[in-house]
Each structure stands twice: as C-alpha cells, then as structure tokens.
C-alpha cells in the first residue's frame, strides 16, 4: 500500500472516531437535560455528527481498508474487547447498586452520632 494512502485513511478514521464521540456527547447532553426546546439542537447536532462520520466512513478508500481489515479476522478481537467492556459495565453497576445501601446506612449512622453529640434543647 502507498504510505500517503495509509496516512490519509488513518486520518479519516481518526476524524470519524472524533465525530462519533462528539456526536454521542451532544446526544447524551440532549437526554440528560429536561427542557426539550433548548436541547433539541443538541439532539440534531449529535445526530448530524454521527451521520457525517458515517458519510466519511463509506468513501471508497475507507471501504477498501475496512475490507482488508475484515479479512484478517480482527473482528474477533474487537468482539472480545466489546464483551469485556460490557461485562465490566455490568459488574460496575452491580458494585454501585450493592454499595449504595451500605453508604446510605453509614451516612445515617454518622447523622445519628452527630445528633447524639448535640445538646438537648427542649
């Protein structure tokens, strides 16, 4: 392969990744806030960035590179990474869910201890 072609394709893929990440960030901002009218611009901007990234992805040069990469079987590696990240997200959710009641119990205990130290003014 031509060195200039490799650099161009890698730059395109880097740009695509950045656009997708930024688009998802804008999309998340839309969902995280309550006011529809103010955040609909974030929704459209996020979707626009994702569509722009897809449009850059389907150029003939990038498609040829994706075909070359797909023939190597690297998709199995990405499938393993994806599965590992999803399992770690499930585990993190479980840990957070399990620790929250313990944290609340501990906070109530601290609050009771602080109230005991206050003088009784009745």
N, C-alpha and C. Protein backbone atom coordinates (compact mmCIF):
# COMPACT_ATOMS: atom_id res chain seq x y z
N UNK A 1 0.83 -1.19 0.00
CA UNK A 1 0.00 0.00 0.00
C UNK A 1 0.88 1.25 0.00
N UNK A 2 0.34 2.29 -0.53
CA UNK A 2 1.01 3.57 -0.60
C UNK A 2 1.00 4.24 0.79
N UNK A 3 2.14 4.81 1.19
CA UNK A 3 2.24 5.44 2.51
C UNK A 3 1.28 6.61 2.64
N UNK A 4 1.15 7.39 1.59
CA UNK A 4 0.24 8.53 1.63
C UNK A 4 -1.21 8.06 1.80
N UNK A 5 -1.56 6.96 1.15
CA UNK A 5 -2.91 6.42 1.26
C UNK A 5 -3.17 5.95 2.69
N UNK A 6 -2.19 5.29 3.29
CA UNK A 6 -2.36 4.81 4.67
C UNK A 6 -2.55 5.98 5.62
N UNK A 7 -1.74 7.03 5.47
CA UNK A 7 -1.86 8.21 6.34
C UNK A 7 -3.23 8.87 6.15
N UNK A 8 -3.67 8.97 4.91
CA UNK A 8 -4.97 9.58 4.63
C UNK A 8 -6.10 8.79 5.26
N UNK A 9 -6.05 7.48 5.10
CA UNK A 9 -7.12 6.64 5.64
C UNK A 9 -7.10 6.69 7.17
N UNK A 10 -5.92 6.63 7.78
CA UNK A 10 -5.84 6.71 9.23
C UNK A 10 -6.34 8.05 9.75
N UNK A 11 -6.04 9.12 9.05
CA UNK A 11 -6.54 10.45 9.43
C UNK A 11 -8.06 10.48 9.32
N UNK A 12 -8.61 9.88 8.26
CA UNK A 12 -10.06 9.82 8.10
C UNK A 12 -10.71 9.04 9.23
N UNK A 13 -10.12 7.90 9.56
CA UNK A 13 -10.68 7.08 10.63
C UNK A 13 -10.60 7.82 11.97
N UNK A 14 -9.49 8.51 12.22
CA UNK A 14 -9.38 9.31 13.43
C UNK A 14 -10.45 10.39 13.49
N UNK A 15 -10.68 11.06 12.37
CA UNK A 15 -11.72 12.09 12.30
C UNK A 15 -13.10 11.47 12.53
N UNK A 16 -13.33 10.32 11.97
CA UNK A 16 -14.61 9.64 12.14
C UNK A 16 -14.85 9.31 13.61
N UNK A 17 -13.82 8.77 14.25
CA UNK A 17 -13.95 8.43 15.67
C UNK A 17 -14.26 9.68 16.50
N UNK A 18 -13.55 10.76 16.24
CA UNK A 18 -13.80 12.01 16.97
C UNK A 18 -15.21 12.52 16.73
N UNK A 19 -15.68 12.44 15.49
CA UNK A 19 -17.04 12.90 15.18
C UNK A 19 -18.08 12.05 15.89
N UNK A 20 -17.88 10.75 15.91
CA UNK A 20 -18.84 9.87 16.59
C UNK A 20 -18.85 10.17 18.09
N UNK A 21 -17.68 10.32 18.68
CA UNK A 21 -17.61 10.60 20.12
C UNK A 21 -18.28 11.93 20.43
N UNK A 22 -17.98 12.96 19.64
CA UNK A 22 -18.59 14.26 19.88
C UNK A 22 -20.10 14.22 19.63
N UNK A 23 -20.51 13.50 18.60
CA UNK A 23 -21.94 13.35 18.33
C UNK A 23 -22.66 12.64 19.46
N UNK A 24 -22.06 11.60 20.00
CA UNK A 24 -22.68 10.89 21.12
C UNK A 24 -22.71 11.76 22.37
N UNK A 25 -21.69 12.62 22.54
CA UNK A 25 -21.68 13.54 23.69
C UNK A 25 -22.84 14.53 23.57
N UNK A 26 -23.03 15.08 22.39
CA UNK A 26 -24.15 16.01 22.19
C UNK A 26 -25.49 15.30 22.38
N UNK A 27 -25.57 14.07 21.90
CA UNK A 27 -26.79 13.29 22.06
C UNK A 27 -27.06 13.01 23.54
N UNK A 28 -26.00 12.72 24.29
CA UNK A 28 -26.15 12.48 25.73
C UNK A 28 -26.57 13.75 26.45
N UNK A 29 -26.04 14.90 26.03
CA UNK A 29 -26.45 16.17 26.63
C UNK A 29 -27.94 16.41 26.41
N UNK A 30 -28.44 16.02 25.25
CA UNK A 30 -29.86 16.18 24.97
C UNK A 30 -30.69 15.36 25.95
N UNK A 31 -30.26 14.13 26.20
CA UNK A 31 -31.03 13.26 27.08
C UNK A 31 -30.87 13.61 28.56
N UNK A 32 -29.76 14.22 28.92
CA UNK A 32 -29.51 14.47 30.34
C UNK A 32 -30.24 15.70 30.88
N UNK A 33 -30.72 16.55 30.02
CA UNK A 33 -31.38 17.77 30.48
C UNK A 33 -32.87 17.68 30.23
N UNK A 34 -33.62 18.44 30.99
CA UNK A 34 -35.06 18.29 30.95
C UNK A 34 -35.78 19.11 29.91
N UNK A 35 -35.26 20.24 29.50
CA UNK A 35 -36.03 21.13 28.63
C UNK A 35 -35.86 20.71 27.16
N UNK A 36 -36.97 20.40 26.53
CA UNK A 36 -36.93 19.87 25.17
C UNK A 36 -36.48 20.92 24.17
N UNK A 37 -37.07 22.10 24.21
CA UNK A 37 -36.81 23.12 23.19
C UNK A 37 -35.35 23.56 23.19
N UNK A 38 -34.75 23.66 24.37
CA UNK A 38 -33.37 24.11 24.44
C UNK A 38 -32.41 23.03 23.96
N UNK A 39 -32.74 21.77 24.19
CA UNK A 39 -31.80 20.69 23.92
C UNK A 39 -32.04 19.96 22.60
N UNK A 40 -33.07 20.34 21.88
CA UNK A 40 -33.30 19.69 20.60
C UNK A 40 -32.16 20.03 19.63
N UNK A 41 -31.52 21.17 19.83
CA UNK A 41 -30.37 21.49 18.98
C UNK A 41 -29.22 20.52 19.25
N UNK A 42 -29.02 20.12 20.51
CA UNK A 42 -28.00 19.12 20.81
C UNK A 42 -28.34 17.78 20.17
N UNK A 43 -29.62 17.44 20.17
CA UNK A 43 -30.05 16.19 19.54
C UNK A 43 -29.72 16.20 18.06
N UNK A 44 -30.13 17.27 17.36
CA UNK A 44 -29.87 17.34 15.92
C UNK A 44 -28.38 17.45 15.61
N UNK A 45 -27.65 18.19 16.44
CA UNK A 45 -26.20 18.30 16.22
C UNK A 45 -25.53 16.94 16.43
N UNK A 46 -25.94 16.22 17.45
CA UNK A 46 -25.37 14.89 17.70
C UNK A 46 -25.67 13.93 16.58
N UNK A 47 -26.91 13.90 16.14
CA UNK A 47 -27.27 13.02 15.02
C UNK A 47 -26.56 13.45 13.74
N UNK A 48 -26.41 14.75 13.55
CA UNK A 48 -25.70 15.24 12.36
C UNK A 48 -24.24 14.82 12.36
N UNK A 49 -23.59 14.88 13.53
CA UNK A 49 -22.19 14.44 13.62
C UNK A 49 -22.06 12.95 13.34
N UNK A 50 -23.00 12.17 13.83
CA UNK A 50 -22.95 10.73 13.60
C UNK A 50 -23.15 10.42 12.12
N UNK A 51 -24.09 11.11 11.47
CA UNK A 51 -24.32 10.89 10.04
C UNK A 51 -23.12 11.36 9.22
N UNK A 52 -22.49 12.47 9.62
CA UNK A 52 -21.30 12.95 8.94
C UNK A 52 -20.17 11.92 9.06
N UNK A 53 -20.01 11.36 10.24
CA UNK A 53 -18.98 10.33 10.43
C UNK A 53 -19.26 9.12 9.55
N UNK A 54 -20.53 8.72 9.46
CA UNK A 54 -20.88 7.58 8.59
C UNK A 54 -20.61 7.91 7.13
N UNK A 55 -20.91 9.15 6.72
CA UNK A 55 -20.67 9.54 5.33
C UNK A 55 -19.17 9.49 5.01
N UNK A 56 -18.33 9.89 5.97
CA UNK A 56 -16.89 9.81 5.74
C UNK A 56 -16.39 8.37 5.75
N UNK A 57 -17.08 7.53 6.49
CA UNK A 57 -16.67 6.13 6.60
C UNK A 57 -16.90 5.36 5.31
N UNK A 58 -17.92 5.70 4.58
CA UNK A 58 -18.27 4.90 3.41
C UNK A 58 -17.63 5.39 2.11
N UNK A 59 -16.54 6.15 2.21
CA UNK A 59 -15.80 6.51 1.00
C UNK A 59 -15.11 5.28 0.45
N UNK A 60 -14.82 5.22 -0.84
CA UNK A 60 -14.22 4.02 -1.42
C UNK A 60 -12.88 3.62 -0.78
N UNK A 61 -12.03 4.59 -0.46
CA UNK A 61 -10.74 4.25 0.16
C UNK A 61 -10.93 3.61 1.53
N UNK A 62 -11.82 4.18 2.33
CA UNK A 62 -12.06 3.63 3.65
C UNK A 62 -12.73 2.26 3.57
N UNK A 63 -13.62 2.09 2.60
CA UNK A 63 -14.28 0.80 2.43
C UNK A 63 -13.27 -0.27 2.04
N UNK A 64 -12.31 0.06 1.18
CA UNK A 64 -11.27 -0.91 0.81
C UNK A 64 -10.44 -1.29 2.02
N UNK A 65 -10.09 -0.31 2.84
CA UNK A 65 -9.30 -0.60 4.03
C UNK A 65 -10.11 -1.46 5.00
N UNK A 66 -11.39 -1.15 5.16
CA UNK A 66 -12.22 -1.95 6.05
C UNK A 66 -12.34 -3.39 5.56
N UNK A 67 -12.42 -3.58 4.24
CA UNK A 67 -12.46 -4.93 3.68
C UNK A 67 -11.17 -5.68 3.97
N UNK A 68 -10.04 -4.99 3.84
CA UNK A 68 -8.74 -5.60 4.12
C UNK A 68 -8.64 -5.99 5.59
N UNK A 69 -9.07 -5.10 6.47
CA UNK A 69 -9.02 -5.39 7.90
C UNK A 69 -9.98 -6.52 8.25
N UNK A 70 -11.16 -6.52 7.66
CA UNK A 70 -12.15 -7.55 7.96
C UNK A 70 -11.67 -8.94 7.55
N UNK A 71 -10.86 -9.01 6.52
CA UNK A 71 -10.35 -10.31 6.05
C UNK A 71 -9.35 -10.92 7.03
N UNK A 72 -8.76 -10.10 7.92
CA UNK A 72 -7.77 -10.62 8.86
C UNK A 72 -8.40 -11.29 10.07
N UNK A 73 -9.67 -11.11 10.31
CA UNK A 73 -10.32 -11.71 11.47
C UNK A 73 -10.15 -10.88 12.73
N UNK A 74 -9.78 -9.62 12.59
CA UNK A 74 -9.60 -8.76 13.75
C UNK A 74 -10.94 -8.46 14.43
N UNK A 75 -12.04 -8.75 13.76
CA UNK A 75 -13.34 -8.52 14.36
C UNK A 75 -13.52 -9.36 15.62
N UNK A 76 -12.89 -10.53 15.66
CA UNK A 76 -12.98 -11.37 16.87
C UNK A 76 -12.30 -10.68 18.05
N UNK A 77 -11.21 -9.97 17.79
CA UNK A 77 -10.53 -9.24 18.86
C UNK A 77 -11.45 -8.12 19.38
N UNK A 78 -12.05 -7.38 18.47
CA UNK A 78 -12.95 -6.31 18.88
C UNK A 78 -14.20 -6.85 19.58
N UNK A 79 -14.66 -8.03 19.16
CA UNK A 79 -15.79 -8.66 19.83
C UNK A 79 -15.41 -9.02 21.27
N UNK A 80 -14.20 -9.52 21.46
CA UNK A 80 -13.72 -9.83 22.81
C UNK A 80 -13.59 -8.59 23.67
N UNK A 81 -13.04 -7.52 23.09
CA UNK A 81 -12.91 -6.25 23.83
C UNK A 81 -14.29 -5.72 24.19
N UNK A 82 -15.22 -5.76 23.25
CA UNK A 82 -16.57 -5.27 23.50
C UNK A 82 -17.24 -6.08 24.60
N UNK A 83 -17.10 -7.39 24.54
CA UNK A 83 -17.71 -8.24 25.57
C UNK A 83 -17.10 -7.94 26.94
N UNK A 84 -15.78 -7.76 26.98
CA UNK A 84 -15.12 -7.44 28.24
C UNK A 84 -15.60 -6.12 28.82
N UNK A 85 -15.75 -5.11 27.95
CA UNK A 85 -16.23 -3.81 28.42
C UNK A 85 -17.68 -3.89 28.91
N UNK A 86 -18.50 -4.65 28.19
CA UNK A 86 -19.90 -4.80 28.63
C UNK A 86 -19.98 -5.54 29.96
N UNK A 87 -19.18 -6.59 30.12
CA UNK A 87 -19.18 -7.32 31.39
C UNK A 87 -18.67 -6.44 32.54
N UNK A 88 -17.67 -5.61 32.26
CA UNK A 88 -17.18 -4.71 33.30
C UNK A 88 -18.22 -3.65 33.65
N UNK A 89 -19.00 -3.21 32.66
CA UNK A 89 -20.08 -2.25 32.94
C UNK A 89 -21.15 -2.90 33.82
N UNK A 90 -21.48 -4.16 33.53
CA UNK A 90 -22.45 -4.87 34.35
C UNK A 90 -21.92 -5.04 35.77
N UNK A 91 -20.65 -5.39 35.89
CA UNK A 91 -20.05 -5.56 37.21
C UNK A 91 -20.02 -4.24 37.97
N UNK A 92 -19.68 -3.15 37.29
CA UNK A 92 -19.65 -1.84 37.94
C UNK A 92 -21.04 -1.45 38.42
N UNK A 93 -22.05 -1.72 37.61
CA UNK A 93 -23.42 -1.43 38.01
C UNK A 93 -23.79 -2.23 39.25
N UNK A 94 -23.39 -3.50 39.28
CA UNK A 94 -23.67 -4.34 40.44
C UNK A 94 -22.98 -3.83 41.69
N UNK A 95 -21.72 -3.43 41.56
CA UNK A 95 -20.98 -2.91 42.72
C UNK A 95 -21.61 -1.62 43.22
N UNK A 96 -21.96 -0.73 42.30
CA UNK A 96 -22.58 0.54 42.70
C UNK A 96 -23.93 0.28 43.37
N UNK A 97 -24.71 -0.62 42.81
CA UNK A 97 -26.02 -0.93 43.37
C UNK A 97 -25.88 -1.57 44.75
N UNK A 98 -24.87 -2.41 44.92
CA UNK A 98 -24.67 -3.07 46.20
C UNK A 98 -24.13 -2.11 47.25
N UNK A 99 -23.24 -1.21 46.86
CA UNK A 99 -22.61 -0.31 47.83
C UNK A 99 -23.49 0.87 48.22
N UNK A 100 -24.46 1.23 47.40
CA UNK A 100 -25.29 2.40 47.71
C UNK A 100 -26.05 2.21 49.03
N UNK A 101 -26.73 1.08 49.26
CA UNK A 101 -27.41 0.92 50.56
C UNK A 101 -26.43 0.95 51.74
N UNK A 102 -25.25 0.40 51.55
CA UNK A 102 -24.25 0.44 52.63
C UNK A 102 -23.82 1.87 52.91
N UNK A 103 -23.65 2.65 51.86
CA UNK A 103 -23.26 4.05 52.03
C UNK A 103 -24.36 4.83 52.73
N UNK A 104 -25.62 4.58 52.35
CA UNK A 104 -26.74 5.28 52.99
C UNK A 104 -26.84 4.88 54.46
N UNK A 105 -26.64 3.60 54.77
CA UNK A 105 -26.66 3.15 56.15
C UNK A 105 -25.56 3.84 56.95
N UNK A 106 -24.38 3.94 56.35
CA UNK A 106 -23.25 4.59 57.02
C UNK A 106 -23.53 6.08 57.24
N UNK A 107 -24.14 6.73 56.26
CA UNK A 107 -24.48 8.15 56.41
C UNK A 107 -25.49 8.36 57.52
N UNK A 108 -26.49 7.48 57.62
CA UNK A 108 -27.48 7.58 58.69
C UNK A 108 -26.83 7.37 60.06
N UNK A 109 -25.89 6.46 60.12
CA UNK A 109 -25.17 6.21 61.37
C UNK A 109 -24.36 7.44 61.79
N UNK A 110 -23.70 8.08 60.85
CA UNK A 110 -22.95 9.30 61.15
C UNK A 110 -23.91 10.40 61.62
N UNK A 111 -25.05 10.51 60.96
CA UNK A 111 -26.03 11.53 61.33
C UNK A 111 -26.54 11.29 62.75
N UNK A 112 -26.81 10.02 63.11
CA UNK A 112 -27.25 9.71 64.47
C UNK A 112 -26.18 10.06 65.49
N UNK A 113 -24.93 9.75 65.17
CA UNK A 113 -23.83 10.07 66.08
C UNK A 113 -23.70 11.58 66.27
N UNK A 114 -23.88 12.34 65.21
CA UNK A 114 -23.79 13.80 65.33
C UNK A 114 -24.94 14.35 66.15
N UNK A 115 -26.13 13.77 66.00
CA UNK A 115 -27.29 14.26 66.76
C UNK A 115 -27.11 13.94 68.25
N UNK A 116 -26.47 12.83 68.57
CA UNK A 116 -26.23 12.47 69.97
C UNK A 116 -25.32 13.49 70.65
N UNK A 117 -24.39 14.03 69.91
CA UNK A 117 -23.44 14.97 70.47
C UNK A 117 -24.03 16.36 70.70
N UNK A 118 -25.18 16.67 70.07
CA UNK A 118 -25.80 17.96 70.24
C UNK A 118 -26.53 18.02 71.58
N UNK A 119 -26.54 19.18 72.20
CA UNK A 119 -27.29 19.29 73.46
C UNK A 119 -28.79 19.24 73.22
N UNK A 120 -29.50 18.69 74.15
CA UNK A 120 -30.96 18.56 74.03
C UNK A 120 -31.62 19.84 74.55
N UNK A 121 -32.14 20.63 73.64
CA UNK A 121 -32.78 21.89 74.00
C UNK A 121 -34.28 21.74 73.79
N UNK A 122 -34.98 21.35 74.80
CA UNK A 122 -36.42 21.21 74.66
C UNK A 122 -37.18 21.90 75.74
